[in-house]
Amino acid sequence: MFEIFYTVGRGYWWHLKAGNAEVLCHSEMYASKQGAQNGIDAVKRIAPGAPVYDRT
């Protein structure tokens, strides 16, 4: 699930959480809530087809 947060003077950001509530990733800071939502929408659109590169 995605969660949107707000901090006064800094802006909005989001977390992507797993089913066990562990934070998988977080976003950059956005000036507006709509910007944060647009970031979530972009991840939802791009992530299903994102390749995985093993750099080990």
N, C-alpha and C. Protein backbone atom coordinates (compact mmCIF):
# COMPACT_ATOMS: atom_id res chain seq x y z
N MET A 1 0.84 -1.17 0.00
CA MET A 1 0.00 0.00 0.00
C MET A 1 0.88 1.24 0.00
N PHE A 2 0.32 2.33 -0.47
CA PHE A 2 1.00 3.61 -0.44
C PHE A 2 0.42 4.45 0.69
N GLU A 3 1.27 5.22 1.36
CA GLU A 3 0.83 6.17 2.37
C GLU A 3 1.44 7.52 2.03
N ILE A 4 0.62 8.57 2.09
CA ILE A 4 1.09 9.93 1.85
C ILE A 4 1.24 10.63 3.19
N PHE A 5 2.35 11.35 3.35
CA PHE A 5 2.66 12.09 4.57
C PHE A 5 2.90 13.55 4.25
N TYR A 6 2.78 14.40 5.28
CA TYR A 6 3.04 15.83 5.13
C TYR A 6 3.82 16.33 6.34
N THR A 7 4.82 17.14 6.08
CA THR A 7 5.57 17.81 7.14
C THR A 7 5.56 19.30 6.85
N VAL A 8 5.14 20.11 7.81
CA VAL A 8 5.09 21.55 7.65
C VAL A 8 6.48 22.07 7.28
N GLY A 9 6.53 22.90 6.26
CA GLY A 9 7.78 23.51 5.85
C GLY A 9 8.64 22.63 4.93
N ARG A 10 8.28 21.38 4.77
CA ARG A 10 9.06 20.48 3.90
C ARG A 10 8.23 19.99 2.73
N GLY A 11 7.01 19.58 2.96
CA GLY A 11 6.14 19.12 1.88
C GLY A 11 5.61 17.73 2.08
N TYR A 12 5.24 17.12 0.97
CA TYR A 12 4.60 15.80 0.95
C TYR A 12 5.57 14.75 0.44
N TRP A 13 5.39 13.53 0.91
CA TRP A 13 6.15 12.38 0.41
C TRP A 13 5.32 11.14 0.66
N TRP A 14 5.75 10.03 0.05
CA TRP A 14 5.00 8.79 0.24
C TRP A 14 5.93 7.63 0.56
N HIS A 15 5.34 6.62 1.18
CA HIS A 15 5.99 5.33 1.42
C HIS A 15 5.22 4.27 0.66
N LEU A 16 5.93 3.27 0.17
CA LEU A 16 5.31 2.06 -0.35
C LEU A 16 5.59 0.98 0.68
N LYS A 17 4.53 0.37 1.21
CA LYS A 17 4.67 -0.63 2.26
C LYS A 17 4.25 -2.01 1.78
N ALA A 18 4.95 -3.02 2.30
CA ALA A 18 4.61 -4.42 2.02
C ALA A 18 3.42 -4.84 2.89
N GLY A 19 2.93 -6.03 2.66
CA GLY A 19 1.81 -6.55 3.44
C GLY A 19 2.10 -6.67 4.92
N ASN A 20 3.39 -6.80 5.28
CA ASN A 20 3.76 -6.89 6.70
C ASN A 20 4.07 -5.52 7.30
N ALA A 21 3.73 -4.45 6.60
CA ALA A 21 3.90 -3.06 7.02
C ALA A 21 5.35 -2.56 6.94
N GLU A 22 6.24 -3.34 6.38
CA GLU A 22 7.62 -2.89 6.20
C GLU A 22 7.68 -1.89 5.04
N VAL A 23 8.41 -0.78 5.25
CA VAL A 23 8.58 0.22 4.20
C VAL A 23 9.53 -0.33 3.15
N LEU A 24 9.05 -0.44 1.92
CA LEU A 24 9.86 -0.94 0.82
C LEU A 24 10.65 0.17 0.15
N CYS A 25 10.02 1.34 0.01
CA CYS A 25 10.71 2.50 -0.56
C CYS A 25 9.95 3.76 -0.18
N HIS A 26 10.59 4.89 -0.41
CA HIS A 26 9.96 6.18 -0.14
C HIS A 26 10.29 7.13 -1.28
N SER A 27 9.55 8.19 -1.36
CA SER A 27 9.69 9.12 -2.46
C SER A 27 10.57 10.31 -2.07
N GLU A 28 10.76 11.16 -3.06
CA GLU A 28 11.34 12.47 -2.84
C GLU A 28 10.28 13.35 -2.19
N MET A 29 10.64 14.57 -1.83
CA MET A 29 9.67 15.53 -1.28
C MET A 29 8.97 16.23 -2.43
N TYR A 30 7.68 16.46 -2.27
CA TYR A 30 6.87 17.15 -3.26
C TYR A 30 6.28 18.41 -2.63
N ALA A 31 6.16 19.47 -3.42
CA ALA A 31 5.61 20.73 -2.92
C ALA A 31 4.10 20.64 -2.69
N SER A 32 3.44 19.73 -3.43
CA SER A 32 1.98 19.63 -3.31
C SER A 32 1.57 18.17 -3.12
N LYS A 33 0.38 18.01 -2.56
CA LYS A 33 -0.18 16.66 -2.40
C LYS A 33 -0.42 16.04 -3.76
N GLN A 34 -0.84 16.84 -4.73
CA GLN A 34 -1.07 16.33 -6.08
C GLN A 34 0.23 15.84 -6.69
N GLY A 35 1.34 16.51 -6.41
CA GLY A 35 2.64 16.05 -6.89
C GLY A 35 2.98 14.68 -6.32
N ALA A 36 2.70 14.47 -5.04
CA ALA A 36 2.94 13.17 -4.42
C ALA A 36 2.05 12.10 -5.05
N GLN A 37 0.80 12.44 -5.30
CA GLN A 37 -0.12 11.49 -5.94
C GLN A 37 0.34 11.16 -7.35
N ASN A 38 0.84 12.16 -8.06
CA ASN A 38 1.37 11.91 -9.41
C ASN A 38 2.56 10.96 -9.36
N GLY A 39 3.41 11.10 -8.33
CA GLY A 39 4.54 10.18 -8.16
C GLY A 39 4.07 8.75 -7.92
N ILE A 40 3.05 8.60 -7.10
CA ILE A 40 2.48 7.26 -6.85
C ILE A 40 1.92 6.69 -8.14
N ASP A 41 1.20 7.50 -8.88
CA ASP A 41 0.62 7.04 -10.15
C ASP A 41 1.71 6.59 -11.12
N ALA A 42 2.83 7.32 -11.15
CA ALA A 42 3.94 6.95 -12.03
C ALA A 42 4.52 5.60 -11.64
N VAL A 43 4.70 5.37 -10.34
CA VAL A 43 5.24 4.08 -9.89
C VAL A 43 4.28 2.95 -10.25
N LYS A 44 3.00 3.17 -10.06
CA LYS A 44 2.00 2.15 -10.40
C LYS A 44 2.05 1.82 -11.89
N ARG A 45 2.27 2.83 -12.72
CA ARG A 45 2.32 2.63 -14.17
C ARG A 45 3.60 1.93 -14.61
N ILE A 46 4.73 2.31 -14.04
CA ILE A 46 6.04 1.84 -14.49
C ILE A 46 6.47 0.53 -13.84
N ALA A 47 6.19 0.36 -12.56
CA ALA A 47 6.74 -0.77 -11.80
C ALA A 47 6.39 -2.15 -12.35
N PRO A 48 5.19 -2.41 -12.84
CA PRO A 48 4.91 -3.78 -13.30
C PRO A 48 5.86 -4.27 -14.39
N GLY A 49 6.37 -3.36 -15.21
CA GLY A 49 7.25 -3.76 -16.29
C GLY A 49 8.72 -3.44 -16.04
N ALA A 50 9.05 -2.98 -14.83
CA ALA A 50 10.43 -2.58 -14.55
C ALA A 50 11.35 -3.80 -14.49
N PRO A 51 12.46 -3.75 -15.24
CA PRO A 51 13.41 -4.87 -15.19
C PRO A 51 14.20 -4.86 -13.90
N VAL A 52 14.74 -6.01 -13.56
CA VAL A 52 15.60 -6.14 -12.39
C VAL A 52 17.01 -6.47 -12.88
N TYR A 53 17.98 -5.68 -12.45
CA TYR A 53 19.36 -5.91 -12.83
C TYR A 53 20.14 -6.35 -11.59
N ASP A 54 20.71 -7.52 -11.64
CA ASP A 54 21.51 -8.04 -10.52
C ASP A 54 22.93 -7.51 -10.70
N ARG A 55 23.34 -6.59 -9.84
CA ARG A 55 24.65 -5.95 -9.95
C ARG A 55 25.68 -6.57 -8.99
N THR A 56 25.37 -7.77 -8.48
CA THR A 56 26.31 -8.39 -7.53
C THR A 56 27.48 -9.04 -8.22
